[in-house]
Amino acid sequence: MVDFTAMMLQFAEQGEKTGWTYIEIPAGIALQMKPGNKKSFRVRGILDALPVRGMALMPMGDGNFIMALKADVRKKLHKNAGAVLHARLEEDIDYKVEIPADLQECFDFEPEAADFFNSLAKSHREYFIKWINDAKTSETRAKRIVNTVNAMLRKWAFNVMLREMRKG
């Protein structure tokens, strides 16, 4: 487990990351968690006193990684951009996202959508599943499942689906 301190930062104008609050994980620290890796991966550990699991470290292209801190995490930490955060993290080797039963049921009716979904990289499948699981109401969850199945039928990646949803 690596132990480090980081300042919580916030993206200004940064495409789809605009407004995100995050911490930066220097390349050397990320490599201690997952040697030789340059792709996104999941971590578990403690942020201040808050236990976390399955949080994604995403590469920024310069060898460093970022970890986005959603509003619910910031609220539990009682911190926002500009605050200093103590982190103890390690790769979450047990992290696994199962296809939710309601999404699988839809895939059973649309095997072509399921085939495309299963052809995506694991991390990309996880974007869709996490988005569905993060829905706060059953109506929102149902809409997200429909959008996911439609995106699979159109062979769209997660970011393409979100962009197309904003247009409509």
Protein backbone atom coordinates (compact mmCIF):
# COMPACT_ATOMS: atom_id res chain seq x y z
CA MET A 1 0.00 0.00 0.00
CA VAL A 2 1.39 3.42 -0.93
CA ASP A 3 1.01 6.35 1.43
CA PHE A 4 1.01 9.92 0.10
CA THR A 5 -0.51 13.37 0.49
CA ALA A 6 -2.18 15.20 -2.40
CA MET A 7 -4.00 18.47 -2.92
CA MET A 8 -7.54 18.22 -4.25
CA LEU A 9 -7.66 20.00 -7.61
CA GLN A 10 -10.44 20.94 -10.02
CA PHE A 11 -10.36 21.04 -13.80
CA ALA A 12 -11.34 24.30 -15.42
CA GLU A 13 -11.99 23.83 -19.16
CA GLN A 14 -10.90 20.24 -19.92
CA GLY A 15 -13.43 18.70 -22.31
CA GLU A 16 -15.50 15.98 -20.61
CA LYS A 17 -13.48 16.45 -17.39
CA THR A 18 -14.51 20.11 -16.99
CA GLY A 19 -15.42 20.76 -13.36
CA TRP A 20 -14.12 17.42 -12.03
CA THR A 21 -12.51 17.47 -8.60
CA TYR A 22 -9.57 15.07 -8.42
CA ILE A 23 -6.21 14.26 -6.95
CA GLU A 24 -3.12 13.69 -9.03
CA ILE A 25 -1.09 10.53 -8.45
CA PRO A 26 2.51 10.96 -9.64
CA ALA A 27 3.83 8.28 -12.00
CA GLY A 28 6.26 6.93 -9.41
CA ILE A 29 3.48 6.30 -6.89
CA ALA A 30 1.17 4.75 -9.50
CA LEU A 31 3.97 2.43 -10.63
CA GLN A 32 4.44 1.25 -7.04
CA MET A 33 0.80 0.14 -7.05
CA LYS A 34 0.87 -1.46 -10.52
CA PRO A 35 4.39 -1.75 -11.99
CA GLY A 36 4.75 -1.18 -15.73
CA ASN A 37 1.11 -0.09 -16.13
CA LYS A 38 0.06 2.93 -18.20
CA LYS A 39 -3.70 2.21 -18.39
CA SER A 40 -6.62 2.91 -16.04
CA PHE A 41 -6.93 0.62 -13.05
CA ARG A 42 -8.95 0.35 -9.85
CA VAL A 43 -7.66 1.02 -6.35
CA ARG A 44 -8.82 0.51 -2.79
CA GLY A 45 -7.63 2.00 0.47
CA ILE A 46 -8.25 5.00 2.68
CA LEU A 47 -8.70 8.68 1.84
CA ASP A 48 -8.14 10.49 5.15
CA ALA A 49 -10.29 8.16 7.32
CA LEU A 50 -12.73 7.14 4.55
CA PRO A 51 -12.39 3.55 3.24
CA VAL A 52 -12.77 3.37 -0.56
CA ARG A 53 -12.91 0.53 -3.12
CA GLY A 54 -13.07 0.29 -6.88
CA MET A 55 -12.03 3.89 -7.53
CA ALA A 56 -10.39 4.41 -10.92
CA LEU A 57 -6.95 5.83 -11.51
CA MET A 58 -6.88 7.29 -15.01
CA PRO A 59 -3.71 8.08 -16.99
CA MET A 60 -3.11 11.69 -18.00
CA GLY A 61 -0.58 10.99 -20.75
CA ASP A 62 2.48 12.32 -18.91
CA GLY A 63 2.90 9.20 -16.76
CA ASN A 64 0.83 10.68 -13.95
CA PHE A 65 -2.66 9.49 -13.08
CA ILE A 66 -5.72 11.18 -11.63
CA MET A 67 -8.46 9.89 -9.35
CA ALA A 68 -11.79 11.73 -9.67
CA LEU A 69 -13.54 12.52 -6.39
CA LYS A 70 -17.30 12.55 -6.87
CA ALA A 71 -19.57 14.75 -4.79
CA ASP A 72 -20.57 11.93 -2.42
CA VAL A 73 -16.90 11.21 -1.61
CA ARG A 74 -16.11 14.92 -1.12
CA LYS A 75 -19.13 15.24 1.15
CA LYS A 76 -18.02 12.29 3.32
CA LEU A 77 -14.52 13.79 3.47
CA HIS A 78 -15.89 17.28 4.24
CA LYS A 79 -13.39 18.62 1.69
CA ASN A 80 -13.33 20.31 -1.69
CA ALA A 81 -10.78 21.62 -4.22
CA GLY A 82 -7.80 23.20 -2.48
CA ALA A 83 -7.90 20.86 0.52
CA VAL A 84 -5.07 18.45 1.31
CA LEU A 85 -5.91 14.75 1.38
CA HIS A 86 -3.96 11.87 2.93
CA ALA A 87 -4.22 8.72 0.80
CA ARG A 88 -3.22 5.10 1.43
CA LEU A 89 -3.96 3.12 -1.72
CA GLU A 90 -3.26 -0.19 -3.45
CA GLU A 91 -4.51 -1.87 -6.60
CA ASP A 92 -7.98 -3.32 -6.05
CA ILE A 93 -7.33 -6.78 -7.49
CA ASP A 94 -10.68 -8.07 -6.21
CA TYR A 95 -12.70 -5.35 -7.94
CA LYS A 96 -15.23 -6.84 -10.30
CA VAL A 97 -18.33 -5.31 -11.81
CA GLU A 98 -21.10 -7.75 -12.64
CA ILE A 99 -23.62 -7.04 -15.38
CA PRO A 100 -26.80 -6.00 -13.53
CA ALA A 101 -29.68 -8.45 -13.95
CA ASP A 102 -31.95 -5.82 -15.54
CA LEU A 103 -29.30 -4.92 -18.13
CA GLN A 104 -28.61 -8.62 -18.82
CA GLU A 105 -32.34 -9.18 -19.34
CA CYS A 106 -32.30 -6.51 -22.06
CA PHE A 107 -29.17 -8.01 -23.59
CA ASP A 108 -30.97 -11.38 -23.73
CA PHE A 109 -33.49 -9.72 -26.09
CA GLU A 110 -30.76 -7.90 -28.06
CA PRO A 111 -27.88 -10.36 -28.49
CA GLU A 112 -26.17 -8.05 -30.99
CA ALA A 113 -26.00 -5.36 -28.27
CA ALA A 114 -24.63 -7.91 -25.80
CA ASP A 115 -21.99 -9.02 -28.32
CA PHE A 116 -20.73 -5.47 -28.81
CA PHE A 117 -20.82 -4.79 -25.05
CA ASN A 118 -18.74 -7.91 -24.38
CA SER A 119 -16.25 -6.88 -27.10
CA LEU A 120 -15.45 -3.66 -25.20
CA ALA A 121 -12.46 -3.45 -22.89
CA LYS A 122 -13.33 -4.34 -19.29
CA SER A 123 -12.79 -0.75 -18.16
CA HIS A 124 -15.23 0.51 -20.83
CA ARG A 125 -17.90 -2.01 -19.81
CA GLU A 126 -17.41 -0.77 -16.25
CA TYR A 127 -18.18 2.84 -17.30
CA PHE A 128 -21.62 1.76 -18.51
CA ILE A 129 -22.34 -0.47 -15.50
CA LYS A 130 -21.23 2.13 -12.96
CA TRP A 131 -23.33 4.78 -14.71
CA ILE A 132 -26.38 2.52 -14.54
CA ASN A 133 -25.73 1.55 -10.91
CA ASP A 134 -25.26 5.20 -9.88
CA ALA A 135 -28.82 6.12 -10.94
CA LYS A 136 -30.73 7.53 -7.98
CA THR A 137 -34.24 6.62 -9.15
CA SER A 138 -35.70 3.57 -10.90
CA GLU A 139 -36.84 5.83 -13.77
CA THR A 140 -33.32 7.13 -14.31
CA ARG A 141 -31.93 3.60 -14.09
CA ALA A 142 -34.41 2.38 -16.73
CA LYS A 143 -33.49 5.28 -19.07
CA ARG A 144 -29.79 4.53 -18.62
CA ILE A 145 -30.31 0.87 -19.46
CA VAL A 146 -32.24 1.80 -22.61
CA ASN A 147 -29.51 4.30 -23.58
CA THR A 148 -26.83 1.67 -22.99
CA VAL A 149 -28.57 -0.98 -25.12
CA ASN A 150 -29.16 1.56 -27.90
CA ALA A 151 -25.51 2.66 -27.72
CA MET A 152 -24.40 -0.98 -28.05
CA LEU A 153 -26.63 -1.47 -31.09
CA ARG A 154 -25.04 1.65 -32.65
CA LYS A 155 -21.56 0.43 -31.58
CA TRP A 156 -20.93 3.59 -29.56
CA ALA A 157 -18.36 3.94 -26.80
CA PHE A 158 -19.46 5.49 -23.51
CA ASN A 159 -18.18 8.99 -24.35
CA VAL A 160 -19.88 8.92 -27.77
CA MET A 161 -23.19 7.92 -26.15
CA LEU A 162 -22.96 10.77 -23.63
CA ARG A 163 -22.13 13.28 -26.37
CA GLU A 164 -25.07 12.11 -28.50
CA MET A 165 -27.42 12.25 -25.47
CA ARG A 166 -26.44 15.90 -24.88
CA LYS A 167 -27.33 16.77 -28.48
CA GLY A 168 -30.84 15.35 -28.13
